[in-house]
Amino acid sequence: MGQPLFTVLKKGLYTTFQDLGRYGYQQFGVVTSGAMDSYSSQLANILVGNPRGEAVLEITMLGPTLRVESDTISIAVCGADLSMTVNGNKAPLWKSFVVKNGDMIRFGKPVSGTRTYLAVTGGFHAEEVLGSKSYYPKAKLGTEIKDGDILYGTCTRFRKNIGLSRHFIPTFEKEVTVRAIPGPHEDYFTKETIEKFFTDQYRVVQGDRMGYRLQGTTPLQHKDKAEIASDAIPLGGIQVPSSGVPIILLADRQTTGGYPRIATVITVDIYKIAQLAPGGTIRFERCRIETAHELYKNRELFLKNLQK
């Protein structure tokens, strides 16, 4: 079980354990889950000296109130600015620091972004199911966090004042442009519809960990039918059901779907969507798969070098 790290006095709007996801089980209908903004979660872990895939607290919009129970622990918080304070004093983001027994960690008004990630040196002790500590509520996979819970871990060393250069800290805007690879079901749409998709601006009208529903100037039109044989759904896949309203599928997406996908958001741009609040806007920019691979390789190289 390890040592007690925090008491959850208030869990906030939606606070869960998440790591990099539950892979290898989609063929059995098990969703991947994992951090919505995996870039921020990995950076938080690196700053406290953890493996990149260690579980963190994913904190959404209205954060929790946590009381520190361990004598001394190192933490780092990366992602959205949710007005975090320690004992009433503004606490740093994108930098490791030490908290002590009795300290009160609180989150207030969202300033930018919607999700932030709290990592602790040594990681959290949470139930590992099918190779992941990520919590998926619909199937009750993993450990749920509730008011009054004590969160445990093993803090064997301390890291502080290790932070990122401003150059590497992302900004979270209310209007974003994300790169997307066209297809794979382009044949289900007219050329005019595909062109409209890549020129229109879309507003997020509804969003959660499963996906974001978008609204453009007019619905997208199918050539003929709006259904396909059930197909595996990748992270960032953009389905267009018969309503013509596109849906970006995210961490808790279903494993298969029967609607054609007009495009897929590239991995390195998923964080922009994960940090976008309802009401925010998105434009899509065409991207070649070779470019997407190169961008992903570059990000992986950066994270590996930072870890060293």
C-alpha atoms as a PDB file:
ATOM      1  CA  MET A   1       0.000   0.000   0.000  1.00  0.00           C
ATOM      2  CA  GLY A   2       2.890   2.350   0.660  1.00  0.00           C
ATOM      3  CA  GLN A   3       2.785   5.528   2.697  1.00  0.00           C
ATOM      4  CA  PRO A   4      -0.134   7.979   2.864  1.00  0.00           C
ATOM      5  CA  LEU A   5       0.507  10.966   0.601  1.00  0.00           C
ATOM      6  CA  PHE A   6      -2.739  12.975   0.473  1.00  0.00           C
ATOM      7  CA  THR A   7      -6.188  13.049   1.996  1.00  0.00           C
ATOM      8  CA  VAL A   8      -8.797  14.033  -0.566  1.00  0.00           C
ATOM      9  CA  LEU A   9     -10.915  16.579   1.300  1.00  0.00           C
ATOM     10  CA  LYS A  10     -12.817  17.461  -1.899  1.00  0.00           C
ATOM     11  CA  LYS A  11     -12.328  15.528  -5.127  1.00  0.00           C
ATOM     12  CA  GLY A  12     -13.300  18.431  -7.394  1.00  0.00           C
ATOM     13  CA  LEU A  13     -15.265  18.134 -10.620  1.00  0.00           C
ATOM     14  CA  TYR A  14     -13.472  15.104 -12.038  1.00  0.00           C
ATOM     15  CA  THR A  15     -10.196  13.867 -10.590  1.00  0.00           C
ATOM     16  CA  THR A  16      -8.917  10.451 -11.656  1.00  0.00           C
ATOM     17  CA  PHE A  17      -5.796   8.322 -11.817  1.00  0.00           C
ATOM     18  CA  GLN A  18      -4.506   8.189 -15.402  1.00  0.00           C
ATOM     19  CA  ASP A  19      -1.327   6.893 -17.006  1.00  0.00           C
ATOM     20  CA  LEU A  20      -0.586   6.393 -20.726  1.00  0.00           C
ATOM     21  CA  GLY A  21      -3.448   3.963 -21.222  1.00  0.00           C
ATOM     22  CA  ARG A  22      -4.557   0.352 -21.361  1.00  0.00           C
ATOM     23  CA  TYR A  23      -3.193  -1.155 -24.586  1.00  0.00           C
ATOM     24  CA  GLY A  24      -3.611  -4.572 -26.209  1.00  0.00           C
ATOM     25  CA  TYR A  25      -7.242  -5.132 -25.222  1.00  0.00           C
ATOM     26  CA  GLN A  26      -9.301  -3.145 -27.731  1.00  0.00           C
ATOM     27  CA  GLN A  27      -9.969  -6.372 -29.636  1.00  0.00           C
ATOM     28  CA  PHE A  28     -11.908  -7.474 -26.547  1.00  0.00           C
ATOM     29  CA  GLY A  29     -13.891  -4.240 -26.317  1.00  0.00           C
ATOM     30  CA  VAL A  30     -11.743  -2.666 -23.575  1.00  0.00           C
ATOM     31  CA  VAL A  31     -11.193   1.060 -24.115  1.00  0.00           C
ATOM     32  CA  THR A  32      -7.693   2.526 -23.924  1.00  0.00           C
ATOM     33  CA  SER A  33      -8.300   5.437 -21.511  1.00  0.00           C
ATOM     34  CA  GLY A  34      -5.143   7.213 -20.273  1.00  0.00           C
ATOM     35  CA  ALA A  35      -4.328  10.895 -19.890  1.00  0.00           C
ATOM     36  CA  MET A  36      -6.198  13.186 -22.262  1.00  0.00           C
ATOM     37  CA  ASP A  37      -3.131  15.437 -22.527  1.00  0.00           C
ATOM     38  CA  SER A  38      -0.385  12.833 -22.449  1.00  0.00           C
ATOM     39  CA  TYR A  39       2.295  15.443 -23.200  1.00  0.00           C
ATOM     40  CA  SER A  40       1.595  17.310 -19.941  1.00  0.00           C
ATOM     41  CA  SER A  41       1.275  14.109 -17.912  1.00  0.00           C
ATOM     42  CA  GLN A  42       4.631  12.804 -19.178  1.00  0.00           C
ATOM     43  CA  LEU A  43       6.360  16.093 -18.437  1.00  0.00           C
ATOM     44  CA  ALA A  44       4.980  16.103 -14.880  1.00  0.00           C
ATOM     45  CA  ASN A  45       6.423  12.632 -14.322  1.00  0.00           C
ATOM     46  CA  ILE A  46       9.804  13.544 -15.802  1.00  0.00           C
ATOM     47  CA  LEU A  47      10.105  16.596 -13.534  1.00  0.00           C
ATOM     48  CA  VAL A  48       9.752  14.433 -10.404  1.00  0.00           C
ATOM     49  CA  GLY A  49      12.021  11.671 -11.721  1.00  0.00           C
ATOM     50  CA  ASN A  50       9.362   9.069 -12.572  1.00  0.00           C
ATOM     51  CA  PRO A  51       9.031   6.901 -15.665  1.00  0.00           C
ATOM     52  CA  ARG A  52       6.916   8.769 -18.214  1.00  0.00           C
ATOM     53  CA  GLY A  53       4.092   6.246 -17.998  1.00  0.00           C
ATOM     54  CA  GLU A  54       3.588   6.434 -14.226  1.00  0.00           C
ATOM     55  CA  ALA A  55       0.058   7.225 -13.022  1.00  0.00           C
ATOM     56  CA  VAL A  56      -0.756  10.843 -12.201  1.00  0.00           C
ATOM     57  CA  LEU A  57      -3.822  12.714 -11.025  1.00  0.00           C
ATOM     58  CA  GLU A  58      -5.755  14.095 -13.993  1.00  0.00           C
ATOM     59  CA  ILE A  59      -7.603  17.152 -12.673  1.00  0.00           C
ATOM     60  CA  THR A  60     -10.390  18.647 -14.764  1.00  0.00           C
ATOM     61  CA  MET A  61     -11.608  22.270 -14.581  1.00  0.00           C
ATOM     62  CA  LEU A  62     -12.500  22.504 -10.876  1.00  0.00           C
ATOM     63  CA  GLY A  63      -9.724  20.815  -8.954  1.00  0.00           C
ATOM     64  CA  PRO A  64      -9.617  18.960  -5.644  1.00  0.00           C
ATOM     65  CA  THR A  65      -8.572  20.037  -2.166  1.00  0.00           C
ATOM     66  CA  LEU A  66      -5.732  17.840  -0.915  1.00  0.00           C
ATOM     67  CA  ARG A  67      -4.083  17.703   2.512  1.00  0.00           C
ATOM     68  CA  VAL A  68      -0.496  16.421   2.541  1.00  0.00           C
ATOM     69  CA  GLU A  69      -0.068  13.450   4.894  1.00  0.00           C
ATOM     70  CA  SER A  70       3.574  12.508   4.256  1.00  0.00           C
ATOM     71  CA  ASP A  71       6.448  14.240   6.037  1.00  0.00           C
ATOM     72  CA  THR A  72       7.928  15.560   2.773  1.00  0.00           C
ATOM     73  CA  ILE A  73       7.141  14.752  -0.857  1.00  0.00           C
ATOM     74  CA  SER A  74       8.108  16.156  -4.244  1.00  0.00           C
ATOM     75  CA  ILE A  75       5.373  16.975  -6.732  1.00  0.00           C
ATOM     76  CA  ALA A  76       5.054  18.639 -10.135  1.00  0.00           C
ATOM     77  CA  VAL A  77       1.900  19.957 -11.798  1.00  0.00           C
ATOM     78  CA  CYS A  78       1.815  20.401 -15.571  1.00  0.00           C
ATOM     79  CA  GLY A  79      -1.000  21.353 -17.916  1.00  0.00           C
ATOM     80  CA  ALA A  80      -3.851  23.803 -17.421  1.00  0.00           C
ATOM     81  CA  ASP A  81      -3.503  26.735 -15.054  1.00  0.00           C
ATOM     82  CA  LEU A  82      -6.247  26.037 -12.515  1.00  0.00           C
ATOM     83  CA  SER A  83      -5.030  28.612  -9.987  1.00  0.00           C
ATOM     84  CA  MET A  84      -3.267  26.093  -7.758  1.00  0.00           C
ATOM     85  CA  THR A  85      -2.196  27.261  -4.303  1.00  0.00           C
ATOM     86  CA  VAL A  86      -0.321  25.680  -1.385  1.00  0.00           C
ATOM     87  CA  ASN A  87      -1.408  27.084   1.978  1.00  0.00           C
ATOM     88  CA  GLY A  88      -2.997  29.991   0.132  1.00  0.00           C
ATOM     89  CA  ASN A  89       0.157  30.894  -1.809  1.00  0.00           C
ATOM     90  CA  LYS A  90       0.383  30.598  -5.590  1.00  0.00           C
ATOM     91  CA  ALA A  91       2.200  27.394  -6.531  1.00  0.00           C
ATOM     92  CA  PRO A  92       4.390  26.905  -9.621  1.00  0.00           C
ATOM     93  CA  LEU A  93       3.449  24.966 -12.735  1.00  0.00           C
ATOM     94  CA  TRP A  94       5.906  23.043 -14.931  1.00  0.00           C
ATOM     95  CA  LYS A  95       8.364  22.782 -12.025  1.00  0.00           C
ATOM     96  CA  SER A  96       9.012  20.272  -9.242  1.00  0.00           C
ATOM     97  CA  PHE A  97       8.708  21.460  -5.651  1.00  0.00           C
ATOM     98  CA  VAL A  98       8.365  20.061  -2.133  1.00  0.00           C
ATOM     99  CA  VAL A  99       5.265  19.968   0.081  1.00  0.00           C
ATOM    100  CA  LYS A 100       5.150  18.887   3.713  1.00  0.00           C
ATOM    101  CA  ASN A 101       2.805  17.265   6.179  1.00  0.00           C
ATOM    102  CA  GLY A 102      -0.294  19.365   6.781  1.00  0.00           C
ATOM    103  CA  ASP A 103       0.112  21.539   3.661  1.00  0.00           C
ATOM    104  CA  MET A 104      -3.161  22.288   1.878  1.00  0.00           C
ATOM    105  CA  ILE A 105      -3.224  22.097  -1.914  1.00  0.00           C
ATOM    106  CA  ARG A 106      -6.193  23.806  -3.535  1.00  0.00           C
ATOM    107  CA  PHE A 107      -7.268  24.642  -7.064  1.00  0.00           C
ATOM    108  CA  GLY A 108      -9.381  27.641  -7.995  1.00  0.00           C
ATOM    109  CA  LYS A 109     -10.557  29.419 -11.125  1.00  0.00           C
ATOM    110  CA  PRO A 110      -9.403  28.000 -14.490  1.00  0.00           C
ATOM    111  CA  VAL A 111      -7.112  30.554 -16.146  1.00  0.00           C
ATOM    112  CA  SER A 112      -6.077  28.617 -19.260  1.00  0.00           C
ATOM    113  CA  GLY A 113      -6.731  25.057 -20.374  1.00  0.00           C
ATOM    114  CA  THR A 114      -9.063  22.538 -18.751  1.00  0.00           C
ATOM    115  CA  ARG A 115      -6.894  19.643 -17.489  1.00  0.00           C
ATOM    116  CA  THR A 116      -3.815  19.597 -15.314  1.00  0.00           C
ATOM    117  CA  TYR A 117      -1.669  16.702 -14.079  1.00  0.00           C
ATOM    118  CA  LEU A 118      -0.186  16.185 -10.617  1.00  0.00           C
ATOM    119  CA  ALA A 119       2.738  13.771 -10.361  1.00  0.00           C
ATOM    120  CA  VAL A 120       4.476  12.703  -7.159  1.00  0.00           C
ATOM    121  CA  THR A 121       7.981  11.255  -6.885  1.00  0.00           C
ATOM    122  CA  GLY A 122       7.712   7.475  -6.700  1.00  0.00           C
ATOM    123  CA  GLY A 123       4.207   7.469  -8.139  1.00  0.00           C
ATOM    124  CA  PHE A 124       0.785   6.656  -6.750  1.00  0.00           C
ATOM    125  CA  HIS A 125      -0.288   3.239  -5.514  1.00  0.00           C
ATOM    126  CA  ALA A 126      -3.492   2.440  -7.392  1.00  0.00           C
ATOM    127  CA  GLU A 127      -5.050  -0.751  -8.674  1.00  0.00           C
ATOM    128  CA  GLU A 128      -3.482  -1.907 -11.932  1.00  0.00           C
ATOM    129  CA  VAL A 129      -6.000  -3.552 -14.252  1.00  0.00           C
ATOM    130  CA  LEU A 130      -4.873  -5.071 -17.550  1.00  0.00           C
ATOM    131  CA  GLY A 131      -1.540  -3.325 -17.327  1.00  0.00           C
ATOM    132  CA  SER A 132      -2.787   0.176 -16.497  1.00  0.00           C
ATOM    133  CA  LYS A 133      -3.782   2.261 -13.465  1.00  0.00           C
ATOM    134  CA  SER A 134      -6.068   4.445 -15.600  1.00  0.00           C
ATOM    135  CA  TYR A 135      -9.592   4.765 -14.228  1.00  0.00           C
ATOM    136  CA  TYR A 136     -12.475   4.072 -16.630  1.00  0.00           C
ATOM    137  CA  PRO A 137     -15.798   4.692 -14.855  1.00  0.00           C
ATOM    138  CA  LYS A 138     -18.221   2.930 -17.212  1.00  0.00           C
ATOM    139  CA  ALA A 139     -16.543  -0.437 -16.647  1.00  0.00           C
ATOM    140  CA  LYS A 140     -15.255   0.379 -13.138  1.00  0.00           C
ATOM    141  CA  LEU A 141     -11.683  -0.352 -14.209  1.00  0.00           C
ATOM    142  CA  GLY A 142      -9.053   0.985 -11.841  1.00  0.00           C
ATOM    143  CA  THR A 143      -9.371   2.919  -8.588  1.00  0.00           C
ATOM    144  CA  GLU A 144     -12.023   5.623  -8.224  1.00  0.00           C
ATOM    145  CA  ILE A 145     -11.131   8.728  -6.200  1.00  0.00           C
ATOM    146  CA  LYS A 146     -13.773   9.886  -3.722  1.00  0.00           C
ATOM    147  CA  ASP A 147     -14.094  12.544  -1.029  1.00  0.00           C
ATOM    148  CA  GLY A 148     -12.285  11.422   2.122  1.00  0.00           C
ATOM    149  CA  ASP A 149      -9.981   8.958   0.375  1.00  0.00           C
ATOM    150  CA  ILE A 150      -6.327   8.667   1.334  1.00  0.00           C
ATOM    151  CA  LEU A 151      -3.996   8.412  -1.654  1.00  0.00           C
ATOM    152  CA  TYR A 152      -0.892   6.260  -1.146  1.00  0.00           C
ATOM    153  CA  GLY A 153       2.526   6.063  -2.778  1.00  0.00           C
ATOM    154  CA  THR A 154       6.215   5.469  -2.128  1.00  0.00           C
ATOM    155  CA  CYS A 155       8.329   8.601  -2.025  1.00  0.00           C
ATOM    156  CA  THR A 156      11.955   7.526  -1.674  1.00  0.00           C
ATOM    157  CA  ARG A 157      13.752  10.641  -2.948  1.00  0.00           C
ATOM    158  CA  PHE A 158      13.164  14.348  -3.434  1.00  0.00           C
ATOM    159  CA  ARG A 159      13.428  16.552  -6.481  1.00  0.00           C
ATOM    160  CA  LYS A 160      12.783  20.280  -6.465  1.00  0.00           C
ATOM    161  CA  ASN A 161      13.328  23.351  -8.583  1.00  0.00           C
ATOM    162  CA  ILE A 162      13.602  21.288 -11.757  1.00  0.00           C
ATOM    163  CA  GLY A 163      11.536  23.034 -14.373  1.00  0.00           C
ATOM    164  CA  LEU A 164      11.002  23.539 -18.067  1.00  0.00           C
ATOM    165  CA  SER A 165      12.296  26.387 -20.172  1.00  0.00           C
ATOM    166  CA  ARG A 166       9.462  28.656 -21.275  1.00  0.00           C
ATOM    167  CA  HIS A 167      10.252  27.642 -24.838  1.00  0.00           C
ATOM    168  CA  PHE A 168       8.944  24.120 -24.167  1.00  0.00           C
ATOM    169  CA  ILE A 169       5.816  25.070 -22.187  1.00  0.00           C
ATOM    170  CA  PRO A 170       2.699  24.893 -24.385  1.00  0.00           C
ATOM    171  CA  THR A 171       0.065  27.609 -24.376  1.00  0.00           C
ATOM    172  CA  PHE A 172      -3.593  26.673 -24.235  1.00  0.00           C
ATOM    173  CA  GLU A 173      -5.767  28.867 -26.425  1.00  0.00           C
ATOM    174  CA  LYS A 174      -9.544  29.159 -26.848  1.00  0.00           C
ATOM    175  CA  GLU A 175      -9.101  29.116 -30.633  1.00  0.00           C
ATOM    176  CA  VAL A 176      -6.844  26.363 -31.971  1.00  0.00           C
ATOM    177  CA  THR A 177      -5.681  24.978 -35.300  1.00  0.00           C
ATOM    178  CA  VAL A 178      -4.958  21.254 -35.315  1.00  0.00           C
ATOM    179  CA  ARG A 179      -3.387  19.168 -38.043  1.00  0.00           C
ATOM    180  CA  ALA A 180      -5.344  16.197 -39.364  1.00  0.00           C
ATOM    181  CA  ILE A 181      -4.713  13.445 -41.888  1.00  0.00           C
ATOM    182  CA  PRO A 182      -7.629  13.124 -44.386  1.00  0.00           C
ATOM    183  CA  GLY A 183      -9.524   9.839 -44.479  1.00  0.00           C
ATOM    184  CA  PRO A 184      -9.697   6.929 -44.264  1.00  0.00           C
ATOM    185  CA  HIS A 185     -13.306   7.137 -45.544  1.00  0.00           C
ATOM    186  CA  GLU A 186     -12.980   9.997 -48.000  1.00  0.00           C
ATOM    187  CA  ASP A 187     -15.089   8.089 -50.548  1.00  0.00           C
ATOM    188  CA  TYR A 188     -18.140   8.640 -48.325  1.00  0.00           C
ATOM    189  CA  PHE A 189     -17.923  12.427 -48.796  1.00  0.00           C
ATOM    190  CA  THR A 190     -17.921  14.747 -51.787  1.00  0.00           C
ATOM    191  CA  LYS A 191     -14.802  16.775 -52.582  1.00  0.00           C
ATOM    192  CA  GLU A 192     -16.770  19.886 -51.639  1.00  0.00           C
ATOM    193  CA  THR A 193     -17.583  18.452 -48.216  1.00  0.00           C
ATOM    194  CA  ILE A 194     -13.946  17.545 -47.556  1.00  0.00           C
ATOM    195  CA  GLU A 195     -12.858  21.023 -48.626  1.00  0.00           C
ATOM    196  CA  LYS A 196     -15.493  22.550 -46.339  1.00  0.00           C
ATOM    197  CA  PHE A 197     -14.223  20.440 -43.432  1.00  0.00           C
ATOM    198  CA  PHE A 198     -10.713  21.846 -43.857  1.00  0.00           C
ATOM    199  CA  THR A 199     -11.840  25.473 -44.248  1.00  0.00           C
ATOM    200  CA  ASP A 200     -14.741  25.817 -41.799  1.00  0.00           C
ATOM    201  CA  GLN A 201     -14.396  26.805 -38.145  1.00  0.00           C
ATOM    202  CA  TYR A 202     -15.962  24.498 -35.569  1.00  0.00           C
ATOM    203  CA  ARG A 203     -17.185  25.230 -32.072  1.00  0.00           C
ATOM    204  CA  VAL A 204     -17.033  22.631 -29.300  1.00  0.00           C
ATOM    205  CA  VAL A 205     -20.638  22.241 -28.178  1.00  0.00           C
ATOM    206  CA  GLN A 206     -20.145  19.218 -25.938  1.00  0.00           C
ATOM    207  CA  GLY A 207     -17.080  17.409 -24.702  1.00  0.00           C
ATOM    208  CA  ASP A 208     -15.846  14.765 -22.282  1.00  0.00           C
ATOM    209  CA  ARG A 209     -13.146  12.116 -22.142  1.00  0.00           C
ATOM    210  CA  MET A 210     -14.944  10.053 -24.797  1.00  0.00           C
ATOM    211  CA  GLY A 211     -15.064  12.762 -27.444  1.00  0.00           C
ATOM    212  CA  TYR A 212     -15.863  16.316 -28.519  1.00  0.00           C
ATOM    213  CA  ARG A 213     -18.951  17.148 -30.566  1.00  0.00           C
ATOM    214  CA  LEU A 214     -18.403  20.011 -32.990  1.00  0.00           C
ATOM    215  CA  GLN A 215     -20.686  22.498 -34.716  1.00  0.00           C
ATOM    216  CA  GLY A 216     -19.754  24.176 -37.999  1.00  0.00           C
ATOM    217  CA  THR A 217     -21.632  26.651 -40.146  1.00  0.00           C
ATOM    218  CA  THR A 218     -23.654  23.806 -41.745  1.00  0.00           C
ATOM    219  CA  PRO A 219     -23.681  20.008 -41.275  1.00  0.00           C
ATOM    220  CA  LEU A 220     -21.288  17.926 -43.376  1.00  0.00           C
ATOM    221  CA  GLN A 221     -22.921  15.970 -46.186  1.00  0.00           C
ATOM    222  CA  HIS A 222     -22.392  12.319 -47.074  1.00  0.00           C
ATOM    223  CA  LYS A 223     -22.452  11.138 -50.683  1.00  0.00           C
ATOM    224  CA  ASP A 224     -24.935   8.391 -49.998  1.00  0.00           C
ATOM    225  CA  LYS A 225     -25.064   6.477 -46.715  1.00  0.00           C
ATOM    226  CA  ALA A 226     -23.683   7.498 -43.341  1.00  0.00           C
ATOM    227  CA  GLU A 227     -22.805   4.028 -42.060  1.00  0.00           C
ATOM    228  CA  ILE A 228     -19.877   1.691 -42.564  1.00  0.00           C
ATOM    229  CA  ALA A 229     -19.054  -1.805 -41.354  1.00  0.00           C
ATOM    230  CA  SER A 230     -17.772  -1.442 -37.797  1.00  0.00           C
ATOM    231  CA  ASP A 231     -14.177  -0.284 -37.860  1.00  0.00           C
ATOM    232  CA  ALA A 232     -11.456   0.153 -35.221  1.00  0.00           C
ATOM    233  CA  ILE A 233     -11.273   3.757 -33.982  1.00  0.00           C
ATOM    234  CA  PRO A 234      -7.915   5.477 -33.425  1.00  0.00           C
ATOM    235  CA  LEU A 235      -7.254   8.311 -31.008  1.00  0.00           C
ATOM    236  CA  GLY A 236      -8.269  11.551 -32.731  1.00  0.00           C
ATOM    237  CA  GLY A 237     -10.495   9.867 -35.316  1.00  0.00           C
ATOM    238  CA  ILE A 238     -13.244  12.244 -36.500  1.00  0.00           C
ATOM    239  CA  GLN A 239     -16.549  10.473 -37.106  1.00  0.00           C
ATOM    240  CA  VAL A 240     -19.367  12.042 -39.087  1.00  0.00           C
ATOM    241  CA  PRO A 241     -22.738  10.407 -38.263  1.00  0.00           C
ATOM    242  CA  SER A 242     -25.928  10.959 -40.281  1.00  0.00           C
ATOM    243  CA  SER A 243     -26.513  14.302 -38.516  1.00  0.00           C
ATOM    244  CA  GLY A 244     -23.431  15.676 -40.291  1.00  0.00           C
ATOM    245  CA  VAL A 245     -22.021  16.865 -36.936  1.00  0.00           C
ATOM    246  CA  PRO A 246     -18.376  15.735 -36.583  1.00  0.00           C
ATOM    247  CA  ILE A 247     -17.158  14.097 -33.376  1.00  0.00           C
ATOM    248  CA  ILE A 248     -13.477  13.901 -32.372  1.00  0.00           C
ATOM    249  CA  LEU A 249     -12.931  10.654 -30.470  1.00  0.00           C
ATOM    250  CA  LEU A 250     -10.534  10.816 -27.526  1.00  0.00           C
ATOM    251  CA  ALA A 251      -9.095   8.793 -24.623  1.00  0.00           C
ATOM    252  CA  ASP A 252     -12.272   6.989 -23.491  1.00  0.00           C
ATOM    253  CA  ARG A 253     -13.539   6.429 -27.058  1.00  0.00           C
ATOM    254  CA  GLN A 254     -15.349   3.227 -27.956  1.00  0.00           C
ATOM    255  CA  THR A 255     -13.182   0.551 -29.574  1.00  0.00           C
ATOM    256  CA  THR A 256     -15.138   0.314 -32.849  1.00  0.00           C
ATOM    257  CA  GLY A 257     -17.645   2.481 -34.664  1.00  0.00           C
ATOM    258  CA  GLY A 258     -19.986   2.345 -37.638  1.00  0.00           C
ATOM    259  CA  TYR A 259     -19.720   5.906 -38.949  1.00  0.00           C
ATOM    260  CA  PRO A 260     -17.268   7.093 -41.625  1.00  0.00           C
ATOM    261  CA  ARG A 261     -14.242   9.083 -40.484  1.00  0.00           C
ATOM    262  CA  ILE A 262     -13.382  12.137 -42.516  1.00  0.00           C
ATOM    263  CA  ALA A 263      -9.942  12.676 -40.904  1.00  0.00           C
ATOM    264  CA  THR A 264      -7.730  11.846 -37.916  1.00  0.00           C
ATOM    265  CA  VAL A 265      -6.056  14.450 -35.695  1.00  0.00           C
ATOM    266  CA  ILE A 266      -2.303  13.825 -35.441  1.00  0.00           C
ATOM    267  CA  THR A 267      -1.000  12.633 -32.073  1.00  0.00           C
ATOM    268  CA  VAL A 268       1.147  15.665 -31.257  1.00  0.00           C
ATOM    269  CA  ASP A 269      -1.874  17.993 -31.578  1.00  0.00           C
ATOM    270  CA  ILE A 270      -4.263  15.996 -29.377  1.00  0.00           C
ATOM    271  CA  TYR A 271      -3.235  18.078 -26.341  1.00  0.00           C
ATOM    272  CA  LYS A 272      -4.749  21.198 -27.940  1.00  0.00           C
ATOM    273  CA  ILE A 273      -8.150  19.517 -28.058  1.00  0.00           C
ATOM    274  CA  ALA A 274      -7.798  17.974 -24.589  1.00  0.00           C
ATOM    275  CA  GLN A 275      -7.193  21.461 -23.152  1.00  0.00           C
ATOM    276  CA  LEU A 276     -10.048  23.131 -25.052  1.00  0.00           C
ATOM    277  CA  ALA A 277     -13.181  23.982 -23.058  1.00  0.00           C
ATOM    278  CA  PRO A 278     -16.731  23.794 -24.461  1.00  0.00           C
ATOM    279  CA  GLY A 279     -17.292  26.940 -26.492  1.00  0.00           C
ATOM    280  CA  GLY A 280     -13.737  26.917 -27.840  1.00  0.00           C
ATOM    281  CA  THR A 281     -13.139  26.768 -31.585  1.00  0.00           C
ATOM    282  CA  ILE A 282     -11.121  24.487 -33.854  1.00  0.00           C
ATOM    283  CA  ARG A 283      -9.859  24.739 -37.411  1.00  0.00           C
ATOM    284  CA  PHE A 284      -8.392  21.722 -39.177  1.00  0.00           C
ATOM    285  CA  GLU A 285      -5.277  21.834 -41.351  1.00  0.00           C
ATOM    286  CA  ARG A 286      -4.341  19.080 -43.794  1.00  0.00           C
ATOM    287  CA  CYS A 287      -1.315  17.028 -42.784  1.00  0.00           C
ATOM    288  CA  ARG A 288       0.581  14.211 -44.510  1.00  0.00           C
ATOM    289  CA  ILE A 289       1.084  11.004 -42.559  1.00  0.00           C
ATOM    290  CA  GLU A 290       4.857  11.267 -43.126  1.00  0.00           C
ATOM    291  CA  THR A 291       4.818  14.700 -41.483  1.00  0.00           C
ATOM    292  CA  ALA A 292       2.791  13.360 -38.561  1.00  0.00           C
ATOM    293  CA  HIS A 293       5.342  10.559 -38.055  1.00  0.00           C
ATOM    294  CA  GLU A 294       8.244  13.017 -38.131  1.00  0.00           C
ATOM    295  CA  LEU A 295       6.580  15.344 -35.607  1.00  0.00           C
ATOM    296  CA  TYR A 296       5.867  12.410 -33.283  1.00  0.00           C
ATOM    297  CA  LYS A 297       9.462  11.152 -33.532  1.00  0.00           C
ATOM    298  CA  ASN A 298      10.764  14.622 -32.701  1.00  0.00           C
ATOM    299  CA  ARG A 299       8.529  14.861 -29.628  1.00  0.00           C
ATOM    300  CA  GLU A 300       9.612  11.418 -28.453  1.00  0.00           C
ATOM    301  CA  LEU A 301      13.258  12.381 -28.883  1.00  0.00           C
ATOM    302  CA  PHE A 302      12.701  15.551 -26.848  1.00  0.00           C
ATOM    303  CA  LEU A 303      10.990  13.665 -24.013  1.00  0.00           C
ATOM    304  CA  LYS A 304      13.682  10.967 -23.939  1.00  0.00           C
ATOM    305  CA  ASN A 305      16.465  13.553 -23.840  1.00  0.00           C
ATOM    306  CA  LEU A 306      14.668  15.470 -21.090  1.00  0.00           C
ATOM    307  CA  GLN A 307      14.337  12.267 -19.105  1.00  0.00           C
ATOM    308  CA  LYS A 308      18.100  11.722 -19.283  1.00  0.00           C
END
